[in-house]
PDB file of N, CA and C in Angstrom:
ATOM      1  N   LEU A   1     -59.150  19.800  42.235  1.00  0.00           N
ATOM      2  CA  LEU A   1     -59.434  18.518  42.846  1.00  0.00           C
ATOM      3  C   LEU A   1     -60.424  17.739  41.987  1.00  0.00           C
ATOM      4  N   THR A   2     -60.266  16.443  41.993  1.00  0.00           N
ATOM      5  CA  THR A   2     -61.263  15.591  41.344  1.00  0.00           C
ATOM      6  C   THR A   2     -62.496  15.521  42.241  1.00  0.00           C
ATOM      7  N   GLY A   3     -63.587  15.057  41.685  1.00  0.00           N
ATOM      8  CA  GLY A   3     -64.807  14.908  42.470  1.00  0.00           C
ATOM      9  C   GLY A   3     -64.602  13.989  43.656  1.00  0.00           C
ATOM     10  N   GLN A   4     -63.898  12.886  43.434  1.00  0.00           N
ATOM     11  CA  GLN A   4     -63.650  11.929  44.519  1.00  0.00           C
ATOM     12  C   GLN A   4     -62.757  12.530  45.601  1.00  0.00           C
ATOM     13  N   ALA A   5     -61.723  13.289  45.190  1.00  0.00           N
ATOM     14  CA  ALA A   5     -60.828  13.920  46.167  1.00  0.00           C
ATOM     15  C   ALA A   5     -61.594  14.946  47.010  1.00  0.00           C
ATOM     16  N   ALA A   6     -62.461  15.718  46.371  1.00  0.00           N
ATOM     17  CA  ALA A   6     -63.259  16.699  47.107  1.00  0.00           C
ATOM     18  C   ALA A   6     -64.204  16.004  48.082  1.00  0.00           C
ATOM     19  N   THR A   7     -64.822  14.912  47.637  1.00  0.00           N
ATOM     20  CA  THR A   7     -65.715  14.141  48.503  1.00  0.00           C
ATOM     21  C   THR A   7     -64.966  13.608  49.712  1.00  0.00           C
ATOM     22  N   ASN A   8     -63.775  13.059  49.478  1.00  0.00           N
ATOM     23  CA  ASN A   8     -62.963  12.521  50.578  1.00  0.00           C
ATOM     24  C   ASN A   8     -62.568  13.614  51.570  1.00  0.00           C
ATOM     25  N   ARG A   9     -62.218  14.790  51.049  1.00  0.00           N
ATOM     26  CA  ARG A   9     -61.809  15.892  51.922  1.00  0.00           C
ATOM     27  C   ARG A   9     -62.989  16.350  52.788  1.00  0.00           C
ATOM     28  N   VAL A  10     -64.149  16.501  52.178  1.00  0.00           N
ATOM     29  CA  VAL A  10     -65.338  16.914  52.930  1.00  0.00           C
ATOM     30  C   VAL A  10     -65.703  15.854  53.960  1.00  0.00           C
ATOM     31  N   LYS A  11     -65.647  14.589  53.580  1.00  0.00           N
ATOM     32  CA  LYS A  11     -65.962  13.490  54.503  1.00  0.00           C
ATOM     33  C   LYS A  11     -65.039  13.527  55.721  1.00  0.00           C
ATOM     34  N   LYS A  12     -63.739  13.766  55.488  1.00  0.00           N
ATOM     35  CA  LYS A  12     -62.787  13.842  56.600  1.00  0.00           C
ATOM     36  C   LYS A  12     -63.118  15.023  57.511  1.00  0.00           C
ATOM     37  N   LEU A  13     -63.456  16.166  56.925  1.00  0.00           N
ATOM     38  CA  LEU A  13     -63.824  17.331  57.734  1.00  0.00           C
ATOM     39  C   LEU A  13     -65.085  17.062  58.550  1.00  0.00           C
ATOM     40  N   GLU A  14     -66.026  16.326  57.995  1.00  0.00           N
ATOM     41  CA  GLU A  14     -67.224  15.933  58.741  1.00  0.00           C
ATOM     42  C   GLU A  14     -66.862  14.976  59.872  1.00  0.00           C
ATOM     43  N   ASP A  15     -66.021  13.980  59.574  1.00  0.00           N
ATOM     44  CA  ASP A  15     -65.604  13.009  60.590  1.00  0.00           C
ATOM     45  C   ASP A  15     -64.848  13.671  61.741  1.00  0.00           C
ATOM     46  N   ASP A  16     -64.080  14.727  61.428  1.00  0.00           N
ATOM     47  CA  ASP A  16     -63.311  15.451  62.444  1.00  0.00           C
ATOM     48  C   ASP A  16     -64.135  16.543  63.137  1.00  0.00           C
ATOM     49  N   ASN A  17     -65.429  16.607  62.826  1.00  0.00           N
ATOM     50  CA  ASN A  17     -66.342  17.615  63.385  1.00  0.00           C
ATOM     51  C   ASN A  17     -65.930  19.046  63.075  1.00  0.00           C
ATOM     52  N   VAL A  18     -65.188  19.232  61.991  1.00  0.00           N
ATOM     53  CA  VAL A  18     -64.909  20.583  61.511  1.00  0.00           C
ATOM     54  C   VAL A  18     -66.152  21.099  60.792  1.00  0.00           C
ATOM     55  N   ILE A  19     -66.757  20.249  59.976  1.00  0.00           N
ATOM     56  CA  ILE A  19     -68.054  20.538  59.366  1.00  0.00           C
ATOM     57  C   ILE A  19     -69.091  19.796  60.197  1.00  0.00           C
ATOM     58  N   THR A  20     -70.007  20.547  60.803  1.00  0.00           N
ATOM     59  CA  THR A  20     -70.995  19.925  61.697  1.00  0.00           C
ATOM     60  C   THR A  20     -72.407  19.960  61.138  1.00  0.00           C
ATOM     61  N   GLY A  21     -72.594  20.590  60.003  1.00  0.00           N
ATOM     62  CA  GLY A  21     -73.927  20.629  59.413  1.00  0.00           C
ATOM     63  C   GLY A  21     -73.953  21.526  58.200  1.00  0.00           C
ATOM     64  N   TYR A  22     -75.097  21.559  57.574  1.00  0.00           N
ATOM     65  CA  TYR A  22     -75.300  22.361  56.378  1.00  0.00           C
ATOM     66  C   TYR A  22     -76.579  23.165  56.545  1.00  0.00           C
ATOM     67  N   THR A  23     -76.614  24.347  55.963  1.00  0.00           N
ATOM     68  CA  THR A  23     -77.801  25.188  56.035  1.00  0.00           C
ATOM     69  C   THR A  23     -78.158  25.710  54.650  1.00  0.00           C
ATOM     70  N   ILE A  24     -79.371  26.170  54.552  1.00  0.00           N
ATOM     71  CA  ILE A  24     -79.850  26.817  53.339  1.00  0.00           C
ATOM     72  C   ILE A  24     -80.221  28.242  53.722  1.00  0.00           C
ATOM     73  N   ALA A  25     -79.759  29.208  52.970  1.00  0.00           N
ATOM     74  CA  ALA A  25     -80.110  30.606  53.207  1.00  0.00           C
ATOM     75  C   ALA A  25     -81.211  30.996  52.226  1.00  0.00           C
ATOM     76  N   LEU A  26     -82.379  31.338  52.770  1.00  0.00           N
ATOM     77  CA  LEU A  26     -83.512  31.726  51.939  1.00  0.00           C
ATOM     78  C   LEU A  26     -83.514  33.231  51.712  1.00  0.00           C
ATOM     79  N   ASN A  27     -83.889  33.635  50.530  1.00  0.00           N
ATOM     80  CA  ASN A  27     -84.082  35.046  50.233  1.00  0.00           C
ATOM     81  C   ASN A  27     -85.502  35.402  50.659  1.00  0.00           C
ATOM     82  N   GLN A  28     -85.641  35.966  51.845  1.00  0.00           N
ATOM     83  CA  GLN A  28     -86.955  36.266  52.408  1.00  0.00           C
ATOM     84  C   GLN A  28     -87.730  37.260  51.545  1.00  0.00           C
ATOM     85  N   GLU A  29     -87.032  38.189  50.907  1.00  0.00           N
ATOM     86  CA  GLU A  29     -87.709  39.149  50.028  1.00  0.00           C
ATOM     87  C   GLU A  29     -88.354  38.423  48.850  1.00  0.00           C
ATOM     88  N   ALA A  30     -87.664  37.411  48.310  1.00  0.00           N
ATOM     89  CA  ALA A  30     -88.224  36.643  47.195  1.00  0.00           C
ATOM     90  C   ALA A  30     -89.455  35.859  47.633  1.00  0.00           C
ATOM     91  N   LEU A  31     -89.538  35.532  48.920  1.00  0.00           N
ATOM     92  CA  LEU A  31     -90.711  34.846  49.462  1.00  0.00           C
ATOM     93  C   LEU A  31     -91.817  35.838  49.836  1.00  0.00           C
ATOM     94  N   ASP A  32     -91.600  37.106  49.492  1.00  0.00           N
ATOM     95  CA  ASP A  32     -92.555  38.181  49.757  1.00  0.00           C
ATOM     96  C   ASP A  32     -92.745  38.425  51.255  1.00  0.00           C
ATOM     97  N   CYS A  33     -91.666  38.251  52.018  1.00  0.00           N
ATOM     98  CA  CYS A  33     -91.693  38.522  53.462  1.00  0.00           C
ATOM     99  C   CYS A  33     -90.981  39.842  53.707  1.00  0.00           C
ATOM    100  N   LYS A  34     -91.701  40.920  53.517  1.00  0.00           N
ATOM    101  CA  LYS A  34     -91.108  42.250  53.555  1.00  0.00           C
ATOM    102  C   LYS A  34     -91.139  42.902  54.939  1.00  0.00           C
ATOM    103  N   VAL A  35     -91.925  42.384  55.865  1.00  0.00           N
ATOM    104  CA  VAL A  35     -91.997  42.933  57.225  1.00  0.00           C
ATOM    105  C   VAL A  35     -90.911  42.247  58.058  1.00  0.00           C
ATOM    106  N   HIS A  36     -89.896  43.014  58.441  1.00  0.00           N
ATOM    107  CA  HIS A  36     -88.712  42.491  59.131  1.00  0.00           C
ATOM    108  C   HIS A  36     -88.696  43.068  60.542  1.00  0.00           C
ATOM    109  N   VAL A  37     -88.808  42.192  61.544  1.00  0.00           N
ATOM    110  CA  VAL A  37     -88.886  42.659  62.929  1.00  0.00           C
ATOM    111  C   VAL A  37     -87.842  41.976  63.814  1.00  0.00           C
ATOM    112  N   PHE A  38     -87.463  42.692  64.861  1.00  0.00           N
ATOM    113  CA  PHE A  38     -86.611  42.186  65.932  1.00  0.00           C
ATOM    114  C   PHE A  38     -87.458  42.254  67.197  1.00  0.00           C
ATOM    115  N   ILE A  39     -87.682  41.101  67.821  1.00  0.00           N
ATOM    116  CA  ILE A  39     -88.600  41.024  68.954  1.00  0.00           C
ATOM    117  C   ILE A  39     -87.816  40.678  70.219  1.00  0.00           C
ATOM    118  N   ASN A  40     -87.898  41.548  71.227  1.00  0.00           N
ATOM    119  CA  ASN A  40     -87.331  41.250  72.543  1.00  0.00           C
ATOM    120  C   ASN A  40     -88.327  40.368  73.280  1.00  0.00           C
ATOM    121  N   ILE A  41     -87.862  39.200  73.719  1.00  0.00           N
ATOM    122  CA  ILE A  41     -88.721  38.203  74.358  1.00  0.00           C
ATOM    123  C   ILE A  41     -88.459  38.179  75.862  1.00  0.00           C
ATOM    124  N   TYR A  42     -89.529  38.237  76.639  1.00  0.00           N
ATOM    125  CA  TYR A  42     -89.471  38.140  78.098  1.00  0.00           C
ATOM    126  C   TYR A  42     -90.360  36.967  78.499  1.00  0.00           C
ATOM    127  N   THR A  43     -89.766  35.840  78.873  1.00  0.00           N
ATOM    128  CA  THR A  43     -90.562  34.650  79.182  1.00  0.00           C
ATOM    129  C   THR A  43     -91.345  34.833  80.475  1.00  0.00           C
ATOM    130  N   HIS A  44     -92.473  34.140  80.567  1.00  0.00           N
ATOM    131  CA  HIS A  44     -93.351  34.234  81.742  1.00  0.00           C
ATOM    132  C   HIS A  44     -92.800  33.454  82.932  1.00  0.00           C
ATOM    133  N   LYS A  45     -92.089  32.364  82.650  1.00  0.00           N
ATOM    134  CA  LYS A  45     -91.638  31.460  83.712  1.00  0.00           C
ATOM    135  C   LYS A  45     -90.122  31.303  83.662  1.00  0.00           C
ATOM    136  N   ILE A  46     -89.573  30.744  84.736  1.00  0.00           N
ATOM    137  CA  ILE A  46     -88.141  30.459  84.761  1.00  0.00           C
ATOM    138  C   ILE A  46     -87.787  29.470  83.659  1.00  0.00           C
ATOM    139  N   SER A  47     -88.637  28.471  83.456  1.00  0.00           N
ATOM    140  CA  SER A  47     -88.431  27.514  82.368  1.00  0.00           C
ATOM    141  C   SER A  47     -88.844  28.171  81.052  1.00  0.00           C
ATOM    142  N   HIS A  48     -87.997  28.081  80.070  1.00  0.00           N
ATOM    143  CA  HIS A  48     -88.258  28.682  78.766  1.00  0.00           C
ATOM    144  C   HIS A  48     -88.829  27.674  77.778  1.00  0.00           C
ATOM    145  N   ASN A  49     -89.128  26.460  78.233  1.00  0.00           N
ATOM    146  CA  ASN A  49     -89.545  25.386  77.324  1.00  0.00           C
ATOM    147  C   ASN A  49     -90.795  25.726  76.526  1.00  0.00           C
ATOM    148  N   SER A  50     -91.766  26.359  77.146  1.00  0.00           N
ATOM    149  CA  SER A  50     -92.999  26.713  76.439  1.00  0.00           C
ATOM    150  C   SER A  50     -92.687  27.627  75.256  1.00  0.00           C
ATOM    151  N   TYR A  51     -91.878  28.650  75.500  1.00  0.00           N
ATOM    152  CA  TYR A  51     -91.482  29.574  74.433  1.00  0.00           C
ATOM    153  C   TYR A  51     -90.679  28.856  73.354  1.00  0.00           C
ATOM    154  N   LEU A  52     -89.689  28.062  73.763  1.00  0.00           N
ATOM    155  CA  LEU A  52     -88.830  27.381  72.789  1.00  0.00           C
ATOM    156  C   LEU A  52     -89.614  26.383  71.944  1.00  0.00           C
ATOM    157  N   ASP A  53     -90.553  25.673  72.559  1.00  0.00           N
ATOM    158  CA  ASP A  53     -91.414  24.760  71.792  1.00  0.00           C
ATOM    159  C   ASP A  53     -92.261  25.540  70.792  1.00  0.00           C
ATOM    160  N   PHE A  54     -92.793  26.667  71.226  1.00  0.00           N
ATOM    161  CA  PHE A  54     -93.602  27.513  70.349  1.00  0.00           C
ATOM    162  C   PHE A  54     -92.784  27.993  69.152  1.00  0.00           C
ATOM    163  N   ILE A  55     -91.568  28.460  69.393  1.00  0.00           N
ATOM    164  CA  ILE A  55     -90.719  28.955  68.304  1.00  0.00           C
ATOM    165  C   ILE A  55     -90.366  27.826  67.344  1.00  0.00           C
ATOM    166  N   GLN A  56     -90.146  26.631  67.865  1.00  0.00           N
ATOM    167  CA  GLN A  56     -89.871  25.482  66.998  1.00  0.00           C
ATOM    168  C   GLN A  56     -91.065  25.217  66.077  1.00  0.00           C
ATOM    169  N   GLU A  57     -92.264  25.309  66.609  1.00  0.00           N
ATOM    170  CA  GLU A  57     -93.474  25.110  65.805  1.00  0.00           C
ATOM    171  C   GLU A  57     -93.658  26.222  64.780  1.00  0.00           C
ATOM    172  N   GLU A  58     -93.190  27.420  65.095  1.00  0.00           N
ATOM    173  CA  GLU A  58     -93.376  28.606  64.253  1.00  0.00           C
ATOM    174  C   GLU A  58     -92.123  28.939  63.448  1.00  0.00           C
ATOM    175  N   SER A  59     -91.280  27.977  63.191  1.00  0.00           N
ATOM    176  CA  SER A  59     -89.943  28.245  62.660  1.00  0.00           C
ATOM    177  C   SER A  59     -89.896  28.697  61.206  1.00  0.00           C
ATOM    178  N   ILE A  60     -90.999  28.642  60.480  1.00  0.00           N
ATOM    179  CA  ILE A  60     -90.948  28.902  59.042  1.00  0.00           C
ATOM    180  C   ILE A  60     -90.373  30.276  58.691  1.00  0.00           C
ATOM    181  N   PHE A  61     -90.704  31.319  59.419  1.00  0.00           N
ATOM    182  CA  PHE A  61     -90.205  32.651  59.096  1.00  0.00           C
ATOM    183  C   PHE A  61     -89.155  33.151  60.086  1.00  0.00           C
ATOM    184  N   VAL A  62     -88.711  32.288  61.011  1.00  0.00           N
ATOM    185  CA  VAL A  62     -87.695  32.683  61.991  1.00  0.00           C
ATOM    186  C   VAL A  62     -86.339  32.747  61.308  1.00  0.00           C
ATOM    187  N   MET A  63     -85.670  33.875  61.451  1.00  0.00           N
ATOM    188  CA  MET A  63     -84.330  34.018  60.899  1.00  0.00           C
ATOM    189  C   MET A  63     -83.283  33.693  61.965  1.00  0.00           C
ATOM    190  N   ASN A  64     -83.471  34.232  63.168  1.00  0.00           N
ATOM    191  CA  ASN A  64     -82.555  33.982  64.279  1.00  0.00           C
ATOM    192  C   ASN A  64     -83.329  34.068  65.583  1.00  0.00           C
ATOM    193  N   ASN A  65     -82.902  33.264  66.546  1.00  0.00           N
ATOM    194  CA  ASN A  65     -83.454  33.320  67.897  1.00  0.00           C
ATOM    195  C   ASN A  65     -82.273  33.211  68.855  1.00  0.00           C
ATOM    196  N   TYR A  66     -81.820  34.356  69.353  1.00  0.00           N
ATOM    197  CA  TYR A  66     -80.644  34.403  70.216  1.00  0.00           C
ATOM    198  C   TYR A  66     -81.054  34.465  71.683  1.00  0.00           C
ATOM    199  N   LYS A  67     -80.452  33.614  72.512  1.00  0.00           N
ATOM    200  CA  LYS A  67     -80.558  33.787  73.963  1.00  0.00           C
ATOM    201  C   LYS A  67     -79.539  34.860  74.317  1.00  0.00           C
ATOM    202  N   VAL A  68     -79.974  35.883  75.057  1.00  0.00           N
ATOM    203  CA  VAL A  68     -79.106  37.028  75.295  1.00  0.00           C
ATOM    204  C   VAL A  68     -78.951  37.306  76.787  1.00  0.00           C
ATOM    205  N   ILE A  69     -77.890  38.012  77.112  1.00  0.00           N
ATOM    206  CA  ILE A  69     -77.662  38.501  78.467  1.00  0.00           C
ATOM    207  C   ILE A  69     -78.102  39.956  78.476  1.00  0.00           C
ATOM    208  N   GLY A  70     -78.901  40.314  79.441  1.00  0.00           N
ATOM    209  CA  GLY A  70     -79.406  41.678  79.514  1.00  0.00           C
ATOM    210  C   GLY A  70     -80.872  41.658  79.881  1.00  0.00           C
ATOM    211  N   ASP A  71     -81.585  42.670  79.470  1.00  0.00           N
ATOM    212  CA  ASP A  71     -82.985  42.817  79.857  1.00  0.00           C
ATOM    213  C   ASP A  71     -83.878  41.723  79.278  1.00  0.00           C
ATOM    214  N   PRO A  72     -83.922  41.499  77.956  1.00  0.00           N
ATOM    215  CA  PRO A  72     -84.776  40.403  77.470  1.00  0.00           C
ATOM    216  C   PRO A  72     -84.094  39.052  77.668  1.00  0.00           C
ATOM    217  N   CYS A  73     -84.883  37.993  77.551  1.00  0.00           N
ATOM    218  CA  CYS A  73     -84.337  36.631  77.612  1.00  0.00           C
ATOM    219  C   CYS A  73     -83.815  36.192  76.243  1.00  0.00           C
ATOM    220  N   TYR A  74     -84.536  36.616  75.191  1.00  0.00           N
ATOM    221  CA  TYR A  74     -84.187  36.238  73.820  1.00  0.00           C
ATOM    222  C   TYR A  74     -84.375  37.433  72.900  1.00  0.00           C
ATOM    223  N   LEU A  75     -83.633  37.418  71.797  1.00  0.00           N
ATOM    224  CA  LEU A  75     -83.840  38.360  70.706  1.00  0.00           C
ATOM    225  C   LEU A  75     -84.221  37.531  69.489  1.00  0.00           C
ATOM    226  N   LEU A  76     -85.444  37.701  69.045  1.00  0.00           N
ATOM    227  CA  LEU A  76     -85.989  36.940  67.925  1.00  0.00           C
ATOM    228  C   LEU A  76     -86.009  37.827  66.689  1.00  0.00           C
ATOM    229  N   GLU A  77     -85.388  37.349  65.620  1.00  0.00           N
ATOM    230  CA  GLU A  77     -85.437  38.046  64.335  1.00  0.00           C
ATOM    231  C   GLU A  77     -86.341  37.244  63.419  1.00  0.00           C
ATOM    232  N   ARG A  78     -87.317  37.926  62.857  1.00  0.00           N
ATOM    233  CA  ARG A  78     -88.301  37.202  62.065  1.00  0.00           C
ATOM    234  C   ARG A  78     -88.846  38.094  60.960  1.00  0.00           C
ATOM    235  N   ARG A  79     -89.303  37.469  59.887  1.00  0.00           N
ATOM    236  CA  ARG A  79     -89.942  38.187  58.776  1.00  0.00           C
ATOM    237  C   ARG A  79     -91.362  37.682  58.600  1.00  0.00           C
ATOM    238  N   PHE A  80     -92.202  38.557  58.069  1.00  0.00           N
ATOM    239  CA  PHE A  80     -93.607  38.234  57.831  1.00  0.00           C
ATOM    240  C   PHE A  80     -94.023  38.773  56.470  1.00  0.00           C
ATOM    241  N   PRO A  81     -95.001  38.131  55.847  1.00  0.00           N
ATOM    242  CA  PRO A  81     -95.494  38.642  54.565  1.00  0.00           C
ATOM    243  C   PRO A  81     -96.182  40.007  54.701  1.00  0.00           C
ATOM    244  N   ASN A  82     -96.859  40.247  55.828  1.00  0.00           N
ATOM    245  CA  ASN A  82     -97.546  41.529  56.026  1.00  0.00           C
ATOM    246  C   ASN A  82     -97.856  41.705  57.515  1.00  0.00           C
ATOM    247  N   ASN A  83     -98.421  42.842  57.849  1.00  0.00           N
ATOM    248  CA  ASN A  83     -98.700  43.154  59.255  1.00  0.00           C
ATOM    249  C   ASN A  83     -99.769  42.256  59.860  1.00  0.00           C
ATOM    250  N   ASP A  84    -100.677  41.732  59.051  1.00  0.00           N
ATOM    251  CA  ASP A  84    -101.685  40.810  59.582  1.00  0.00           C
ATOM    252  C   ASP A  84    -101.031  39.542  60.122  1.00  0.00           C
ATOM    253  N   TYR A  85    -100.028  39.008  59.386  1.00  0.00           N
ATOM    254  CA  TYR A  85     -99.289  37.832  59.855  1.00  0.00           C
ATOM    255  C   TYR A  85     -98.530  38.166  61.135  1.00  0.00           C
ATOM    256  N   LEU A  86     -97.917  39.351  61.172  1.00  0.00           N
ATOM    257  CA  LEU A  86     -97.196  39.789  62.370  1.00  0.00           C
ATOM    258  C   LEU A  86     -98.139  39.847  63.566  1.00  0.00           C
ATOM    259  N   ASN A  87     -99.284  40.479  63.409  1.00  0.00           N
ATOM    260  CA  ASN A  87    -100.236  40.614  64.510  1.00  0.00           C
ATOM    261  C   ASN A  87    -100.724  39.250  65.004  1.00  0.00           C
ATOM    262  N   ALA A  88    -101.038  38.349  64.083  1.00  0.00           N
ATOM    263  CA  ALA A  88    -101.494  37.007  64.473  1.00  0.00           C
ATOM    264  C   ALA A  88    -100.395  36.269  65.235  1.00  0.00           C
ATOM    265  N   PHE A  89     -99.144  36.411  64.781  1.00  0.00           N
ATOM    266  CA  PHE A  89     -98.026  35.778  65.477  1.00  0.00           C
ATOM    267  C   PHE A  89     -97.884  36.343  66.888  1.00  0.00           C
ATOM    268  N   LEU A  90     -97.964  37.660  67.026  1.00  0.00           N
ATOM    269  CA  LEU A  90     -97.811  38.286  68.344  1.00  0.00           C
ATOM    270  C   LEU A  90     -98.905  37.838  69.307  1.00  0.00           C
ATOM    271  N   GLU A  91    -100.106  37.643  68.811  1.00  0.00           N
ATOM    272  CA  GLU A  91    -101.188  37.138  69.665  1.00  0.00           C
ATOM    273  C   GLU A  91    -100.890  35.724  70.152  1.00  0.00           C
ATOM    274  N   ARG A  92    -100.352  34.873  69.270  1.00  0.00           N
ATOM    275  CA  ARG A  92     -99.988  33.508  69.687  1.00  0.00           C
ATOM    276  C   ARG A  92     -98.790  33.533  70.634  1.00  0.00           C
ATOM    277  N   LEU A  93     -97.816  34.390  70.349  1.00  0.00           N
ATOM    278  CA  LEU A  93     -96.617  34.512  71.181  1.00  0.00           C
ATOM    279  C   LEU A  93     -96.968  34.928  72.604  1.00  0.00           C
ATOM    280  N   ASN A  94     -97.948  35.791  72.756  1.00  0.00           N
ATOM    281  CA  ASN A  94     -98.291  36.339  74.068  1.00  0.00           C
ATOM    282  C   ASN A  94     -98.751  35.270  75.054  1.00  0.00           C
ATOM    283  N   LYS A  95     -99.115  34.087  74.577  1.00  0.00           N
ATOM    284  CA  LYS A  95     -99.465  32.976  75.469  1.00  0.00           C
ATOM    285  C   LYS A  95     -98.223  32.393  76.142  1.00  0.00           C
ATOM    286  N   HIS A  96     -97.047  32.661  75.570  1.00  0.00           N
ATOM    287  CA  HIS A  96     -95.803  32.053  76.045  1.00  0.00           C
ATOM    288  C   HIS A  96     -94.811  33.066  76.616  1.00  0.00           C
ATOM    289  N   ALA A  97     -94.938  34.331  76.209  1.00  0.00           N
ATOM    290  CA  ALA A  97     -93.954  35.331  76.628  1.00  0.00           C
ATOM    291  C   ALA A  97     -94.507  36.729  76.402  1.00  0.00           C
ATOM    292  N   ASN A  98     -93.942  37.681  77.122  1.00  0.00           N
ATOM    293  CA  ASN A  98     -94.190  39.093  76.835  1.00  0.00           C
ATOM    294  C   ASN A  98     -93.137  39.543  75.832  1.00  0.00           C
ATOM    295  N   TYR A  99     -93.369  40.681  75.208  1.00  0.00           N
ATOM    296  CA  TYR A  99     -92.456  41.101  74.153  1.00  0.00           C
ATOM    297  C   TYR A  99     -92.565  42.600  73.924  1.00  0.00           C
ATOM    298  N   ASN A 100     -91.568  43.144  73.266  1.00  0.00           N
ATOM    299  CA  ASN A 100     -91.653  44.411  72.553  1.00  0.00           C
ATOM    300  C   ASN A 100     -90.819  44.221  71.302  1.00  0.00           C
ATOM    301  N   PHE A 101     -91.046  45.041  70.300  1.00  0.00           N
ATOM    302  CA  PHE A 101     -90.326  44.791  69.061  1.00  0.00           C
ATOM    303  C   PHE A 101     -89.973  46.068  68.328  1.00  0.00           C
ATOM    304  N   LEU A 102     -89.004  45.922  67.444  1.00  0.00           N
ATOM    305  CA  LEU A 102     -88.576  46.970  66.526  1.00  0.00           C
ATOM    306  C   LEU A 102     -88.816  46.463  65.118  1.00  0.00           C
ATOM    307  N   MET A 103     -89.228  47.363  64.238  1.00  0.00           N
ATOM    308  CA  MET A 103     -89.439  46.986  62.845  1.00  0.00           C
ATOM    309  C   MET A 103     -88.369  47.664  61.998  1.00  0.00           C
ATOM    310  N   ALA A 104     -87.676  46.875  61.191  1.00  0.00           N
ATOM    311  CA  ALA A 104     -86.673  47.427  60.282  1.00  0.00           C
ATOM    312  C   ALA A 104     -87.380  48.100  59.112  1.00  0.00           C
ATOM    313  N   ILE A 105     -86.820  49.234  58.650  1.00  0.00           N
ATOM    314  CA  ILE A 105     -87.423  49.915  57.501  1.00  0.00           C
ATOM    315  C   ILE A 105     -86.472  49.910  56.322  1.00  0.00           C
TER     316      ILE A 105
END
């Protein structure tokens, strides 16, 4: 395809809502974020807005935040440069939700 033909094809896919956005995949290891955790989130209130606003503010190292069916309300996947960053995050998180977590090795 020519550059113009490729542009037109992508534009049509965007217009038809086949392509709805673009993302960038970061290599967390290259950013020296070697502490990889999965955090089960249990919100304090029926409204999850406090937690969701907090996660939006803390989005820099968030890999995934899934709303789940089951015991926790959310499953948060996140990386940290070291355990000190993890501990500081957990202290801030505790104002919005209870949690338990698993650390990947």
